[in-house]
Amino acid sequence: MTQKELLYIEDTLGHLKFLITNINDISNRVSNEELESSLKDVENKLKKEEKSIKKLLEIEGE
């Protein structure tokens, strides 16, 4: 993997972490349970994507 590709992936992981943190914060503040549940679903999907990318990086590094 090239340095440029690695930088792109690191940037993507940073964006995912930013989204996860902010969605978590918002879901903890809303009073609507349906909205809170939907936000938690989105947060969990983003965490799953983050984990998948990190796993691919581990495989690439082997």
Protein backbone atom coordinates (compact mmCIF):
# COMPACT_ATOMS: atom_id res chain seq x y z
CA MET A 1 0.00 0.00 0.00
CA THR A 2 1.36 3.42 -0.89
CA GLN A 3 1.91 6.22 1.60
CA LYS A 4 -0.88 8.22 -0.07
CA GLU A 5 -3.31 5.33 0.36
CA LEU A 6 -2.37 4.95 4.02
CA LEU A 7 -2.91 8.66 4.60
CA TYR A 8 -6.33 8.41 2.96
CA ILE A 9 -7.27 5.48 5.20
CA GLU A 10 -6.04 7.30 8.32
CA ASP A 11 -8.12 10.31 7.29
CA THR A 12 -11.15 8.09 6.79
CA LEU A 13 -10.68 6.52 10.23
CA GLY A 14 -10.44 9.99 11.74
CA HIS A 15 -13.71 11.00 10.09
CA LEU A 16 -15.39 7.83 11.33
CA LYS A 17 -14.18 8.46 14.89
CA PHE A 18 -15.46 12.06 14.68
CA LEU A 19 -18.89 10.86 13.48
CA ILE A 20 -19.08 8.11 16.11
CA THR A 21 -18.23 10.53 18.92
CA ASN A 22 -20.71 13.17 17.78
CA ILE A 23 -23.55 10.75 17.08
CA ASN A 24 -23.03 9.23 20.52
CA ASP A 25 -23.12 12.67 22.11
CA ILE A 26 -26.30 13.64 20.26
CA SER A 27 -28.04 10.34 21.01
CA ASN A 28 -27.37 10.89 24.71
CA ARG A 29 -29.00 14.34 24.54
CA VAL A 30 -32.19 13.66 22.60
CA SER A 31 -35.41 12.95 24.44
CA ASN A 32 -37.13 11.11 21.60
CA GLU A 33 -36.53 7.39 22.15
CA GLU A 34 -37.09 6.48 18.50
CA LEU A 35 -34.52 9.04 17.36
CA GLU A 36 -32.11 7.91 20.06
CA SER A 37 -32.46 4.30 18.91
CA SER A 38 -31.89 5.26 15.28
CA LEU A 39 -28.78 7.23 16.21
CA LYS A 40 -27.43 4.29 18.22
CA ASP A 41 -28.00 2.06 15.17
CA VAL A 42 -26.02 4.45 13.00
CA GLU A 43 -23.28 4.64 15.63
CA ASN A 44 -23.03 0.84 15.77
CA LYS A 45 -22.83 0.59 11.98
CA LEU A 46 -20.03 3.16 11.89
CA LYS A 47 -18.16 1.29 14.64
CA LYS A 48 -18.49 -1.89 12.59
CA GLU A 49 -17.06 -0.13 9.52
CA GLU A 50 -14.21 1.29 11.59
CA LYS A 51 -13.41 -2.18 12.92
CA SER A 52 -13.50 -3.65 9.39
CA ILE A 53 -11.05 -1.07 8.07
CA LYS A 54 -8.68 -1.65 10.99
CA LYS A 55 -8.87 -5.41 10.42
CA LEU A 56 -8.02 -4.95 6.74
CA LEU A 57 -5.02 -2.84 7.73
CA GLU A 58 -3.83 -5.63 10.02
CA ILE A 59 -4.11 -8.15 7.18
CA GLU A 60 -2.28 -5.77 4.84
CA GLY A 61 0.52 -5.38 7.38
CA GLU A 62 1.19 -9.11 7.65
